[in-house]
Amino acid sequence: MQHVSALPTYLTQRYLGWKATAFSENKSWYRHLANEGQHPRAMMISCCDSRVHVTSIFGADQGEFFIHRNIANLVPPFEGDGGQHGTSAALEYAVRNLRVAHVIVMGHSSCGGVSGCAAMCAGEAPELEEKGSFVGRWMDILRPGVERVAHIEDEAERTRALEQESVLISLNNLMTFPFVAQRVEAGDLTLHGLWLDIAEGVVEQFTPAKNKFEPL
């Protein structure tokens, strides 16, 4: 595989530093994780955005979160077509095999995927309209949300609302998965929706009774 290169030096140095400190000082804990397997209490579905660091935000240790990241933290509707579905596979494993107690969807401010979807729906991103665009076809999941926020005149407010729509659409789509709906209805799995304001460090939670996001 001649197209594969060695890891950048700065990453190698960081790894060696971690191995000599954090790992060395907690070697027994890592061995415990290796021998006993993972038993996370929650699955976190968040965006690929490098600024969204859920383990830091919630002070999570290794083995605490089962994390799946994708463009705009979207969950697609259930499709039992035998295709290759990465997000659906991660969800199935978390709910059926790991038996997590919580599935948390976390959106965020300044989301490039959400902005791209808005531009695509406005006819301003023809490259995303192409059939072969992976990003464009993935962001089709959010199209209904674009229609629901179209009445909001202020652009910043409309963008924020669409970012939160990515969470709400995902929460609704989660319930189209039979193995999710069954456990939710049995009372042993709960679903949660969050939105992070990166600049302010504020996390808002969706409150169904009020049908809105509120700061934690």
N, C-alpha and C. Protein backbone atom coordinates (compact mmCIF):
# COMPACT_ATOMS: atom_id res chain seq x y z
N MET A 1 0.84 -1.20 0.00
CA MET A 1 0.00 0.00 0.00
C MET A 1 0.88 1.25 0.00
N GLN A 2 1.39 1.57 -1.16
CA GLN A 2 2.35 2.67 -1.29
C GLN A 2 1.74 4.04 -1.02
N HIS A 3 0.41 4.13 -1.03
CA HIS A 3 -0.24 5.43 -0.81
C HIS A 3 -0.38 5.78 0.66
N VAL A 4 0.03 4.88 1.56
CA VAL A 4 -0.08 5.12 3.01
C VAL A 4 1.24 5.67 3.54
N SER A 5 1.17 6.74 4.34
CA SER A 5 2.37 7.38 4.87
C SER A 5 2.47 7.21 6.37
N ALA A 6 3.64 7.51 6.91
CA ALA A 6 3.87 7.45 8.35
C ALA A 6 3.10 8.57 9.04
N LEU A 7 2.75 8.36 10.30
CA LEU A 7 2.01 9.34 11.08
C LEU A 7 2.84 10.62 11.21
N PRO A 8 2.19 11.81 11.15
CA PRO A 8 2.94 13.06 11.33
C PRO A 8 3.69 13.06 12.65
N THR A 9 4.88 13.66 12.67
CA THR A 9 5.74 13.64 13.84
C THR A 9 5.06 14.20 15.08
N TYR A 10 4.29 15.29 14.92
CA TYR A 10 3.69 15.89 16.11
C TYR A 10 2.69 14.96 16.79
N LEU A 11 2.00 14.12 15.99
CA LEU A 11 1.08 13.15 16.58
C LEU A 11 1.83 12.01 17.26
N THR A 12 2.92 11.59 16.65
CA THR A 12 3.75 10.55 17.28
C THR A 12 4.27 11.03 18.61
N GLN A 13 4.72 12.27 18.68
CA GLN A 13 5.25 12.82 19.92
C GLN A 13 4.16 12.93 21.00
N ARG A 14 2.97 13.32 20.58
CA ARG A 14 1.87 13.41 21.54
C ARG A 14 1.50 12.04 22.08
N TYR A 15 1.51 11.04 21.19
CA TYR A 15 1.22 9.67 21.64
C TYR A 15 2.24 9.21 22.67
N LEU A 16 3.51 9.43 22.38
CA LEU A 16 4.57 9.00 23.30
C LEU A 16 4.42 9.69 24.66
N GLY A 17 4.01 10.97 24.61
CA GLY A 17 3.79 11.69 25.87
C GLY A 17 2.64 11.10 26.65
N TRP A 18 1.56 10.75 25.95
CA TRP A 18 0.41 10.12 26.61
C TRP A 18 0.79 8.76 27.20
N LYS A 19 1.54 7.99 26.43
CA LYS A 19 1.92 6.64 26.88
C LYS A 19 2.79 6.71 28.14
N ALA A 20 3.65 7.74 28.22
CA ALA A 20 4.55 7.87 29.35
C ALA A 20 3.88 8.47 30.59
N THR A 21 2.75 9.15 30.40
CA THR A 21 2.10 9.81 31.54
C THR A 21 0.72 9.22 31.83
N ALA A 22 -0.29 9.67 31.09
CA ALA A 22 -1.67 9.27 31.36
C ALA A 22 -1.85 7.75 31.36
N PHE A 23 -1.28 7.07 30.37
CA PHE A 23 -1.42 5.61 30.32
C PHE A 23 -0.64 4.95 31.43
N SER A 24 0.60 5.34 31.58
CA SER A 24 1.47 4.73 32.59
C SER A 24 0.90 4.87 34.00
N GLU A 25 0.30 6.02 34.27
CA GLU A 25 -0.25 6.27 35.61
C GLU A 25 -1.58 5.58 35.85
N ASN A 26 -2.21 5.11 34.78
CA ASN A 26 -3.52 4.45 34.91
C ASN A 26 -3.54 3.10 34.21
N LYS A 27 -2.41 2.43 34.22
CA LYS A 27 -2.26 1.18 33.49
C LYS A 27 -3.28 0.12 33.93
N SER A 28 -3.53 0.03 35.22
CA SER A 28 -4.47 -0.99 35.71
C SER A 28 -5.88 -0.73 35.21
N TRP A 29 -6.27 0.54 35.06
CA TRP A 29 -7.60 0.87 34.56
C TRP A 29 -7.74 0.48 33.09
N TYR A 30 -6.71 0.73 32.30
CA TYR A 30 -6.75 0.35 30.89
C TYR A 30 -6.80 -1.16 30.74
N ARG A 31 -6.10 -1.87 31.59
CA ARG A 31 -6.14 -3.34 31.53
C ARG A 31 -7.52 -3.85 31.92
N HIS A 32 -8.14 -3.16 32.88
CA HIS A 32 -9.49 -3.53 33.28
C HIS A 32 -10.44 -3.35 32.09
N LEU A 33 -10.33 -2.22 31.39
CA LEU A 33 -11.18 -1.98 30.23
C LEU A 33 -10.96 -3.03 29.14
N ALA A 34 -9.71 -3.39 28.95
CA ALA A 34 -9.39 -4.38 27.92
C ALA A 34 -9.94 -5.76 28.28
N ASN A 35 -9.82 -6.13 29.54
CA ASN A 35 -10.23 -7.47 29.97
C ASN A 35 -11.73 -7.61 30.18
N GLU A 36 -12.36 -6.55 30.68
CA GLU A 36 -13.78 -6.62 31.02
C GLU A 36 -14.71 -6.13 29.91
N GLY A 37 -14.13 -5.50 28.88
CA GLY A 37 -14.96 -4.98 27.79
C GLY A 37 -15.57 -3.64 28.15
N GLN A 38 -16.32 -3.08 27.22
CA GLN A 38 -16.92 -1.77 27.47
C GLN A 38 -18.35 -1.91 27.96
N HIS A 39 -18.72 -1.02 28.88
CA HIS A 39 -20.07 -1.01 29.42
C HIS A 39 -20.55 0.44 29.55
N PRO A 40 -20.62 1.16 28.43
CA PRO A 40 -21.04 2.56 28.49
C PRO A 40 -22.51 2.69 28.87
N ARG A 41 -22.81 3.75 29.60
CA ARG A 41 -24.19 3.99 29.99
C ARG A 41 -24.95 4.76 28.91
N ALA A 42 -24.22 5.48 28.06
CA ALA A 42 -24.88 6.32 27.08
C ALA A 42 -24.20 6.26 25.73
N MET A 43 -25.01 6.41 24.68
CA MET A 43 -24.49 6.60 23.33
C MET A 43 -24.62 8.07 23.01
N MET A 44 -23.55 8.67 22.51
CA MET A 44 -23.55 10.07 22.12
C MET A 44 -23.42 10.17 20.61
N ILE A 45 -24.39 10.77 19.97
CA ILE A 45 -24.35 11.01 18.52
C ILE A 45 -24.08 12.49 18.32
N SER A 46 -22.90 12.82 17.84
CA SER A 46 -22.52 14.22 17.68
C SER A 46 -21.92 14.45 16.30
N CYS A 47 -21.60 15.71 16.02
CA CYS A 47 -21.08 16.08 14.72
C CYS A 47 -19.59 15.75 14.60
N CYS A 48 -19.13 15.58 13.38
CA CYS A 48 -17.70 15.35 13.13
C CYS A 48 -16.86 16.59 13.42
N ASP A 49 -17.51 17.74 13.55
CA ASP A 49 -16.82 19.01 13.75
C ASP A 49 -15.77 18.88 14.86
N SER A 50 -14.52 19.27 14.54
CA SER A 50 -13.41 19.12 15.48
C SER A 50 -13.55 19.98 16.72
N ARG A 51 -14.45 20.96 16.69
CA ARG A 51 -14.65 21.83 17.85
C ARG A 51 -15.61 21.25 18.88
N VAL A 52 -16.28 20.17 18.52
CA VAL A 52 -17.25 19.54 19.43
C VAL A 52 -16.57 18.36 20.12
N HIS A 53 -16.25 18.53 21.39
CA HIS A 53 -15.48 17.53 22.14
C HIS A 53 -16.32 17.06 23.33
N VAL A 54 -17.20 16.10 23.07
CA VAL A 54 -18.19 15.71 24.09
C VAL A 54 -17.56 15.13 25.35
N THR A 55 -16.45 14.42 25.23
CA THR A 55 -15.84 13.85 26.43
C THR A 55 -15.31 14.94 27.35
N SER A 56 -14.81 16.03 26.78
CA SER A 56 -14.34 17.15 27.60
C SER A 56 -15.51 17.88 28.24
N ILE A 57 -16.56 18.12 27.46
CA ILE A 57 -17.72 18.87 27.95
C ILE A 57 -18.35 18.19 29.16
N PHE A 58 -18.43 16.87 29.12
CA PHE A 58 -19.08 16.14 30.19
C PHE A 58 -18.10 15.42 31.12
N GLY A 59 -16.82 15.70 30.96
CA GLY A 59 -15.82 15.11 31.84
C GLY A 59 -15.82 13.59 31.82
N ALA A 60 -16.05 13.03 30.64
CA ALA A 60 -16.18 11.57 30.53
C ALA A 60 -14.83 10.88 30.48
N ASP A 61 -14.76 9.74 31.13
CA ASP A 61 -13.55 8.92 31.13
C ASP A 61 -13.66 7.86 30.04
N GLN A 62 -12.56 7.16 29.79
CA GLN A 62 -12.59 6.06 28.81
C GLN A 62 -13.63 5.04 29.24
N GLY A 63 -14.39 4.57 28.27
CA GLY A 63 -15.38 3.53 28.55
C GLY A 63 -16.73 4.06 28.99
N GLU A 64 -16.86 5.38 29.10
CA GLU A 64 -18.11 5.95 29.61
C GLU A 64 -19.14 6.25 28.53
N PHE A 65 -18.69 6.75 27.38
CA PHE A 65 -19.57 7.06 26.25
C PHE A 65 -19.26 6.15 25.07
N PHE A 66 -20.32 5.68 24.41
CA PHE A 66 -20.18 5.05 23.11
C PHE A 66 -20.47 6.17 22.12
N ILE A 67 -19.46 6.62 21.38
CA ILE A 67 -19.58 7.83 20.58
C ILE A 67 -19.63 7.53 19.09
N HIS A 68 -20.62 8.13 18.44
CA HIS A 68 -20.70 8.06 16.98
C HIS A 68 -20.78 9.49 16.46
N ARG A 69 -19.91 9.82 15.50
CA ARG A 69 -19.89 11.16 14.93
C ARG A 69 -20.15 11.09 13.43
N ASN A 70 -20.95 12.01 12.94
CA ASN A 70 -21.16 12.10 11.50
C ASN A 70 -21.45 13.56 11.13
N ILE A 71 -21.62 13.85 9.86
CA ILE A 71 -21.89 15.20 9.42
C ILE A 71 -23.25 15.66 9.96
N ALA A 72 -23.22 16.73 10.77
CA ALA A 72 -24.43 17.37 11.33
C ALA A 72 -25.20 16.49 12.30
N ASN A 73 -24.51 15.55 12.92
CA ASN A 73 -25.11 14.71 13.98
C ASN A 73 -26.51 14.17 13.62
N LEU A 74 -26.65 13.70 12.38
CA LEU A 74 -27.96 13.23 11.91
C LEU A 74 -28.15 11.73 12.09
N VAL A 75 -29.37 11.36 12.40
CA VAL A 75 -29.78 9.96 12.41
C VAL A 75 -30.75 9.78 11.25
N PRO A 76 -30.47 8.91 10.31
CA PRO A 76 -31.38 8.70 9.17
C PRO A 76 -32.57 7.85 9.63
N PRO A 77 -33.65 7.84 8.86
CA PRO A 77 -34.76 6.94 9.20
C PRO A 77 -34.35 5.49 8.99
N PHE A 78 -35.02 4.59 9.66
CA PHE A 78 -34.74 3.16 9.54
C PHE A 78 -34.95 2.70 8.10
N GLU A 79 -33.97 1.94 7.59
CA GLU A 79 -34.08 1.33 6.27
C GLU A 79 -33.53 -0.09 6.34
N GLY A 80 -34.40 -1.05 6.21
CA GLY A 80 -33.97 -2.44 6.26
C GLY A 80 -33.74 -3.00 4.88
N ASP A 81 -32.89 -2.31 4.11
CA ASP A 81 -32.68 -2.69 2.71
C ASP A 81 -31.42 -3.52 2.49
N GLY A 82 -30.74 -3.88 3.57
CA GLY A 82 -29.53 -4.68 3.42
C GLY A 82 -28.33 -3.88 2.96
N GLY A 83 -28.46 -2.55 2.94
CA GLY A 83 -27.34 -1.70 2.52
C GLY A 83 -26.35 -1.47 3.64
N GLN A 84 -25.35 -0.65 3.35
CA GLN A 84 -24.32 -0.34 4.33
C GLN A 84 -24.63 0.99 4.98
N HIS A 85 -25.06 0.94 6.23
CA HIS A 85 -25.50 2.13 6.95
C HIS A 85 -24.68 2.29 8.24
N GLY A 86 -23.72 3.18 8.20
CA GLY A 86 -22.80 3.34 9.34
C GLY A 86 -23.47 3.82 10.61
N THR A 87 -24.27 4.87 10.51
CA THR A 87 -24.93 5.39 11.71
C THR A 87 -25.92 4.38 12.27
N SER A 88 -26.67 3.75 11.41
CA SER A 88 -27.64 2.75 11.86
C SER A 88 -26.95 1.56 12.50
N ALA A 89 -25.80 1.17 11.97
CA ALA A 89 -25.05 0.05 12.54
C ALA A 89 -24.55 0.39 13.94
N ALA A 90 -24.04 1.62 14.10
CA ALA A 90 -23.56 2.05 15.41
C ALA A 90 -24.70 2.08 16.41
N LEU A 91 -25.85 2.56 15.97
CA LEU A 91 -27.02 2.62 16.84
C LEU A 91 -27.48 1.22 17.25
N GLU A 92 -27.52 0.33 16.29
CA GLU A 92 -27.93 -1.06 16.58
C GLU A 92 -27.00 -1.68 17.61
N TYR A 93 -25.70 -1.50 17.44
CA TYR A 93 -24.74 -2.10 18.36
C TYR A 93 -24.90 -1.52 19.77
N ALA A 94 -25.08 -0.20 19.85
CA ALA A 94 -25.20 0.45 21.15
C ALA A 94 -26.46 0.00 21.89
N VAL A 95 -27.57 -0.08 21.16
CA VAL A 95 -28.85 -0.39 21.80
C VAL A 95 -29.04 -1.88 22.04
N ARG A 96 -28.67 -2.68 21.07
CA ARG A 96 -28.91 -4.12 21.19
C ARG A 96 -27.81 -4.86 21.93
N ASN A 97 -26.56 -4.53 21.64
CA ASN A 97 -25.45 -5.28 22.23
C ASN A 97 -24.94 -4.66 23.53
N LEU A 98 -24.72 -3.35 23.51
CA LEU A 98 -24.19 -2.70 24.72
C LEU A 98 -25.29 -2.35 25.71
N ARG A 99 -26.52 -2.33 25.25
CA ARG A 99 -27.68 -2.05 26.11
C ARG A 99 -27.53 -0.71 26.84
N VAL A 100 -27.13 0.32 26.10
CA VAL A 100 -27.01 1.63 26.71
C VAL A 100 -28.36 2.08 27.26
N ALA A 101 -28.33 2.92 28.29
CA ALA A 101 -29.57 3.40 28.91
C ALA A 101 -30.03 4.71 28.30
N HIS A 102 -29.12 5.41 27.61
CA HIS A 102 -29.44 6.72 27.05
C HIS A 102 -28.85 6.85 25.64
N VAL A 103 -29.59 7.48 24.75
CA VAL A 103 -29.07 7.88 23.45
C VAL A 103 -29.22 9.40 23.39
N ILE A 104 -28.10 10.08 23.22
CA ILE A 104 -28.07 11.54 23.25
C ILE A 104 -27.64 12.06 21.88
N VAL A 105 -28.43 12.94 21.29
CA VAL A 105 -28.08 13.59 20.03
C VAL A 105 -27.67 15.02 20.35
N MET A 106 -26.47 15.41 19.93
CA MET A 106 -25.97 16.73 20.26
C MET A 106 -25.60 17.53 19.02
N GLY A 107 -26.36 18.60 18.75
CA GLY A 107 -26.05 19.51 17.67
C GLY A 107 -25.19 20.66 18.18
N HIS A 108 -24.86 21.60 17.31
CA HIS A 108 -23.98 22.69 17.75
C HIS A 108 -24.09 23.90 16.83
N SER A 109 -23.57 25.01 17.31
CA SER A 109 -23.55 26.25 16.54
C SER A 109 -22.51 26.19 15.44
N SER A 110 -22.66 27.04 14.46
CA SER A 110 -21.70 27.15 13.34
C SER A 110 -21.45 25.83 12.64
N CYS A 111 -22.49 25.02 12.48
CA CYS A 111 -22.35 23.70 11.86
C CYS A 111 -22.26 23.83 10.34
N GLY A 112 -21.16 23.41 9.78
CA GLY A 112 -20.95 23.51 8.34
C GLY A 112 -21.93 22.67 7.54
N GLY A 113 -22.28 21.51 8.06
CA GLY A 113 -23.22 20.64 7.35
C GLY A 113 -24.60 21.27 7.27
N VAL A 114 -25.04 21.86 8.38
CA VAL A 114 -26.34 22.52 8.41
C VAL A 114 -26.36 23.72 7.46
N SER A 115 -25.29 24.51 7.49
CA SER A 115 -25.19 25.66 6.58
C SER A 115 -25.20 25.21 5.13
N GLY A 116 -24.51 24.10 4.87
CA GLY A 116 -24.48 23.56 3.52
C GLY A 116 -25.86 23.12 3.06
N CYS A 117 -26.63 22.54 3.97
CA CYS A 117 -27.99 22.11 3.62
C CYS A 117 -28.86 23.31 3.28
N ALA A 118 -28.72 24.38 4.07
CA ALA A 118 -29.50 25.59 3.82
C ALA A 118 -29.14 26.18 2.46
N ALA A 119 -27.85 26.20 2.16
CA ALA A 119 -27.40 26.73 0.87
C ALA A 119 -27.89 25.86 -0.28
N MET A 120 -27.84 24.55 -0.09
CA MET A 120 -28.30 23.62 -1.12
C MET A 120 -29.78 23.83 -1.41
N CYS A 121 -30.57 23.95 -0.37
CA CYS A 121 -32.01 24.10 -0.54
C CYS A 121 -32.37 25.46 -1.15
N ALA A 122 -31.45 26.42 -1.00
CA ALA A 122 -31.68 27.76 -1.57
C ALA A 122 -31.13 27.86 -2.98
N GLY A 123 -30.58 26.77 -3.49
CA GLY A 123 -30.03 26.76 -4.84
C GLY A 123 -28.67 27.41 -4.95
N GLU A 124 -27.99 27.58 -3.80
CA GLU A 124 -26.70 28.26 -3.77
C GLU A 124 -25.51 27.30 -3.69
N ALA A 125 -25.78 26.01 -3.70
CA ALA A 125 -24.70 25.02 -3.62
C ALA A 125 -24.99 23.89 -4.61
N PRO A 126 -24.88 24.16 -5.90
CA PRO A 126 -25.21 23.15 -6.92
C PRO A 126 -24.37 21.88 -6.80
N GLU A 127 -23.15 22.01 -6.26
CA GLU A 127 -22.30 20.82 -6.11
C GLU A 127 -22.91 19.81 -5.14
N LEU A 128 -23.69 20.31 -4.17
CA LEU A 128 -24.33 19.41 -3.22
C LEU A 128 -25.58 18.76 -3.80
N GLU A 129 -26.12 19.37 -4.85
CA GLU A 129 -27.29 18.80 -5.51
C GLU A 129 -26.94 17.61 -6.40
N GLU A 130 -25.66 17.48 -6.73
CA GLU A 130 -25.24 16.39 -7.60
C GLU A 130 -25.52 15.03 -6.96
N LYS A 131 -25.96 14.10 -7.76
CA LYS A 131 -26.31 12.77 -7.26
C LYS A 131 -25.15 12.11 -6.54
N GLY A 132 -23.93 12.38 -7.01
CA GLY A 132 -22.75 11.74 -6.44
C GLY A 132 -22.18 12.44 -5.22
N SER A 133 -22.84 13.48 -4.72
CA SER A 133 -22.35 14.17 -3.53
C SER A 133 -22.77 13.42 -2.27
N PHE A 134 -21.81 12.85 -1.57
CA PHE A 134 -22.12 12.14 -0.33
C PHE A 134 -22.70 13.09 0.71
N VAL A 135 -22.10 14.30 0.81
CA VAL A 135 -22.59 15.28 1.78
C VAL A 135 -24.01 15.72 1.43
N GLY A 136 -24.24 16.02 0.17
CA GLY A 136 -25.55 16.48 -0.25
C GLY A 136 -26.64 15.47 0.01
N ARG A 137 -26.38 14.21 -0.33
CA ARG A 137 -27.41 13.19 -0.13
C ARG A 137 -27.62 12.91 1.35
N TRP A 138 -26.57 13.05 2.14
CA TRP A 138 -26.72 12.86 3.60
C TRP A 138 -27.55 14.00 4.18
N MET A 139 -27.29 15.23 3.70
CA MET A 139 -28.01 16.39 4.23
C MET A 139 -29.46 16.44 3.76
N ASP A 140 -29.83 15.59 2.81
CA ASP A 140 -31.25 15.49 2.42
C ASP A 140 -32.12 15.15 3.63
N ILE A 141 -31.53 14.49 4.62
CA ILE A 141 -32.26 14.13 5.84
C ILE A 141 -32.82 15.37 6.52
N LEU A 142 -32.10 16.48 6.38
CA LEU A 142 -32.47 17.73 7.07
C LEU A 142 -33.43 18.61 6.26
N ARG A 143 -33.70 18.26 5.03
CA ARG A 143 -34.55 19.11 4.17
C ARG A 143 -35.88 19.51 4.81
N PRO A 144 -36.60 18.59 5.48
CA PRO A 144 -37.86 19.00 6.11
C PRO A 144 -37.67 20.11 7.14
N GLY A 145 -36.52 20.12 7.79
CA GLY A 145 -36.24 21.16 8.77
C GLY A 145 -36.08 22.52 8.13
N VAL A 146 -35.49 22.55 6.94
CA VAL A 146 -35.32 23.81 6.22
C VAL A 146 -36.68 24.45 5.95
N GLU A 147 -37.65 23.65 5.59
CA GLU A 147 -39.00 24.16 5.33
C GLU A 147 -39.64 24.69 6.61
N ARG A 148 -39.38 24.01 7.74
CA ARG A 148 -40.02 24.42 9.00
C ARG A 148 -39.47 25.73 9.56
N VAL A 149 -38.23 26.09 9.21
CA VAL A 149 -37.65 27.32 9.74
C VAL A 149 -37.66 28.46 8.72
N ALA A 150 -38.20 28.21 7.55
CA ALA A 150 -38.16 29.20 6.46
C ALA A 150 -38.85 30.51 6.82
N HIS A 151 -39.81 30.47 7.74
CA HIS A 151 -40.57 31.67 8.11
C HIS A 151 -39.78 32.63 8.99
N ILE A 152 -38.65 32.18 9.55
CA ILE A 152 -37.85 33.02 10.45
C ILE A 152 -37.05 34.01 9.62
N GLU A 153 -37.27 35.29 9.84
CA GLU A 153 -36.63 36.32 9.02
C GLU A 153 -35.16 36.55 9.37
N ASP A 154 -34.84 36.58 10.66
CA ASP A 154 -33.46 36.83 11.06
C ASP A 154 -32.58 35.64 10.69
N GLU A 155 -31.51 35.88 9.93
CA GLU A 155 -30.69 34.79 9.42
C GLU A 155 -30.01 34.00 10.53
N ALA A 156 -29.46 34.70 11.53
CA ALA A 156 -28.76 34.01 12.63
C ALA A 156 -29.74 33.14 13.41
N GLU A 157 -30.91 33.68 13.65
CA GLU A 157 -31.94 32.93 14.39
C GLU A 157 -32.41 31.73 13.58
N ARG A 158 -32.56 31.91 12.27
CA ARG A 158 -32.99 30.82 11.40
C ARG A 158 -31.94 29.71 11.35
N THR A 159 -30.66 30.10 11.31
CA THR A 159 -29.58 29.12 11.29
C THR A 159 -29.56 28.31 12.57
N ARG A 160 -29.70 29.00 13.69
CA ARG A 160 -29.73 28.31 14.99
C ARG A 160 -30.91 27.34 15.06
N ALA A 161 -32.07 27.79 14.57
CA ALA A 161 -33.25 26.93 14.58
C ALA A 161 -33.03 25.69 13.72
N LEU A 162 -32.33 25.85 12.58
CA LEU A 162 -32.08 24.71 11.70
C LEU A 162 -31.08 23.75 12.34
N GLU A 163 -30.11 24.29 13.05
CA GLU A 163 -29.16 23.42 13.78
C GLU A 163 -29.91 22.60 14.81
N GLN A 164 -30.88 23.19 15.44
CA GLN A 164 -31.68 22.45 16.43
C GLN A 164 -32.65 21.49 15.75
N GLU A 165 -33.07 21.82 14.54
CA GLU A 165 -33.90 20.89 13.77
C GLU A 165 -33.14 19.60 13.46
N SER A 166 -31.82 19.72 13.28
CA SER A 166 -31.03 18.50 13.02
C SER A 166 -31.12 17.54 14.19
N VAL A 167 -31.27 18.09 15.37
CA VAL A 167 -31.42 17.26 16.58
C VAL A 167 -32.83 16.67 16.64
N LEU A 168 -33.83 17.51 16.40
CA LEU A 168 -35.22 17.05 16.49
C LEU A 168 -35.56 16.00 15.44
N ILE A 169 -35.08 16.21 14.22
CA ILE A 169 -35.30 15.22 13.16
C ILE A 169 -34.64 13.90 13.53
N SER A 170 -33.45 13.98 14.09
CA SER A 170 -32.74 12.76 14.50
C SER A 170 -33.50 12.03 15.61
N LEU A 171 -34.03 12.78 16.57
CA LEU A 171 -34.80 12.16 17.65
C LEU A 171 -36.04 11.46 17.12
N ASN A 172 -36.71 12.09 16.16
CA ASN A 172 -37.88 11.45 15.55
C ASN A 172 -37.48 10.21 14.75
N ASN A 173 -36.37 10.30 14.03
CA ASN A 173 -35.92 9.16 13.23
C ASN A 173 -35.48 8.00 14.11
N LEU A 174 -34.96 8.30 15.28
CA LEU A 174 -34.57 7.22 16.20
C LEU A 174 -35.75 6.29 16.49
N MET A 175 -36.92 6.85 16.60
CA MET A 175 -38.09 6.06 16.94
C MET A 175 -38.61 5.24 15.76
N THR A 176 -38.03 5.40 14.57
CA THR A 176 -38.40 4.55 13.44
C THR A 176 -37.65 3.22 13.47
N PHE A 177 -36.64 3.12 14.35
CA PHE A 177 -35.90 1.87 14.50
C PHE A 177 -36.65 1.00 15.50
N PRO A 178 -37.13 -0.17 15.08
CA PRO A 178 -37.93 -1.02 15.98
C PRO A 178 -37.23 -1.34 17.30
N PHE A 179 -35.92 -1.60 17.25
CA PHE A 179 -35.22 -1.97 18.49
C PHE A 179 -35.05 -0.77 19.43
N VAL A 180 -35.11 0.44 18.90
CA VAL A 180 -35.08 1.64 19.75
C VAL A 180 -36.47 1.87 20.34
N ALA A 181 -37.48 1.89 19.49
CA ALA A 181 -38.85 2.14 19.94
C ALA A 181 -39.29 1.14 21.00
N GLN A 182 -38.91 -0.11 20.81
CA GLN A 182 -39.30 -1.16 21.75
C GLN A 182 -38.73 -0.90 23.15
N ARG A 183 -37.48 -0.50 23.21
CA ARG A 183 -36.86 -0.26 24.52
C ARG A 183 -37.33 1.06 25.14
N VAL A 184 -37.60 2.05 24.30
CA VAL A 184 -38.13 3.31 24.83
C VAL A 184 -39.50 3.07 25.45
N GLU A 185 -40.33 2.34 24.72
CA GLU A 185 -41.68 2.07 25.21
C GLU A 185 -41.67 1.17 26.44
N ALA A 186 -40.62 0.35 26.58
CA ALA A 186 -40.49 -0.52 27.76
C ALA A 186 -39.96 0.26 28.96
N GLY A 187 -39.46 1.47 28.71
CA GLY A 187 -38.98 2.31 29.80
C GLY A 187 -37.55 2.10 30.21
N ASP A 188 -36.77 1.34 29.41
CA ASP A 188 -35.37 1.12 29.80
C ASP A 188 -34.38 1.79 28.85
N LEU A 189 -34.88 2.72 28.01
CA LEU A 189 -34.00 3.53 27.17
C LEU A 189 -34.62 4.92 27.05
N THR A 190 -33.81 5.95 27.25
CA THR A 190 -34.31 7.32 27.11
C THR A 190 -33.53 8.05 26.03
N LEU A 191 -34.22 8.95 25.34
CA LEU A 191 -33.62 9.74 24.27
C LEU A 191 -33.50 11.19 24.72
N HIS A 192 -32.42 11.84 24.32
CA HIS A 192 -32.16 13.21 24.76
C HIS A 192 -31.64 14.05 23.59
N GLY A 193 -32.02 15.33 23.54
CA GLY A 193 -31.56 16.23 22.50
C GLY A 193 -30.85 17.43 23.08
N LEU A 194 -29.63 17.69 22.61
CA LEU A 194 -28.84 18.81 23.11
C LEU A 194 -28.34 19.66 21.95
N TRP A 195 -28.05 20.93 22.25
CA TRP A 195 -27.44 21.84 21.28
C TRP A 195 -26.38 22.65 22.00
N LEU A 196 -25.19 22.71 21.42
CA LEU A 196 -24.06 23.40 22.03
C LEU A 196 -23.76 24.72 21.34
N ASP A 197 -23.66 25.79 22.11
CA ASP A 197 -23.17 27.07 21.61
C ASP A 197 -21.67 27.08 21.86
N ILE A 198 -20.90 26.88 20.81
CA ILE A 198 -19.45 26.73 20.95
C ILE A 198 -18.80 27.97 21.55
N ALA A 199 -19.19 29.13 21.09
CA ALA A 199 -18.56 30.38 21.54
C ALA A 199 -18.83 30.67 23.01
N GLU A 200 -20.03 30.34 23.47
CA GLU A 200 -20.42 30.66 24.85
C GLU A 200 -20.26 29.50 25.81
N GLY A 201 -20.04 28.30 25.28
CA GLY A 201 -19.91 27.13 26.15
C GLY A 201 -21.21 26.76 26.82
N VAL A 202 -22.32 27.10 26.19
CA VAL A 202 -23.65 26.82 26.75
C VAL A 202 -24.26 25.61 26.05
N VAL A 203 -24.75 24.66 26.84
CA VAL A 203 -25.45 23.50 26.30
C VAL A 203 -26.93 23.66 26.62
N GLU A 204 -27.76 23.55 25.59
CA GLU A 204 -29.21 23.63 25.76
C GLU A 204 -29.82 22.24 25.55
N GLN A 205 -30.87 21.97 26.31
CA GLN A 205 -31.55 20.68 26.25
C GLN A 205 -32.97 20.87 25.73
N PHE A 206 -33.40 19.97 24.86
CA PHE A 206 -34.77 20.05 24.35
C PHE A 206 -35.74 19.56 25.42
N THR A 207 -36.73 20.41 25.71
CA THR A 207 -37.75 20.08 26.70
C THR A 207 -39.07 19.84 25.97
N PRO A 208 -39.50 18.59 25.84
CA PRO A 208 -40.72 18.28 25.09
C PRO A 208 -41.96 19.01 25.60
N ALA A 209 -42.09 19.14 26.92
CA ALA A 209 -43.28 19.78 27.48
C ALA A 209 -43.42 21.23 27.02
N LYS A 210 -42.29 21.89 26.77
CA LYS A 210 -42.32 23.29 26.32
C LYS A 210 -42.00 23.41 24.83
N ASN A 211 -41.64 22.29 24.21
CA ASN A 211 -41.31 22.24 22.80
C ASN A 211 -40.23 23.25 22.43
N LYS A 212 -39.20 23.33 23.24
CA LYS A 212 -38.09 24.25 22.96
C LYS A 212 -36.83 23.80 23.67
N PHE A 213 -35.70 24.38 23.24
CA PHE A 213 -34.42 24.12 23.87
C PHE A 213 -34.20 25.14 24.99
N GLU A 214 -33.69 24.65 26.13
CA GLU A 214 -33.42 25.50 27.27
C GLU A 214 -32.04 25.17 27.84
N PRO A 215 -31.32 26.18 28.35
CA PRO A 215 -29.98 25.95 28.92
C PRO A 215 -30.02 24.95 30.06
N LEU A 216 -29.03 24.09 30.13
CA LEU A 216 -28.92 23.15 31.25
C LEU A 216 -28.66 23.92 32.54
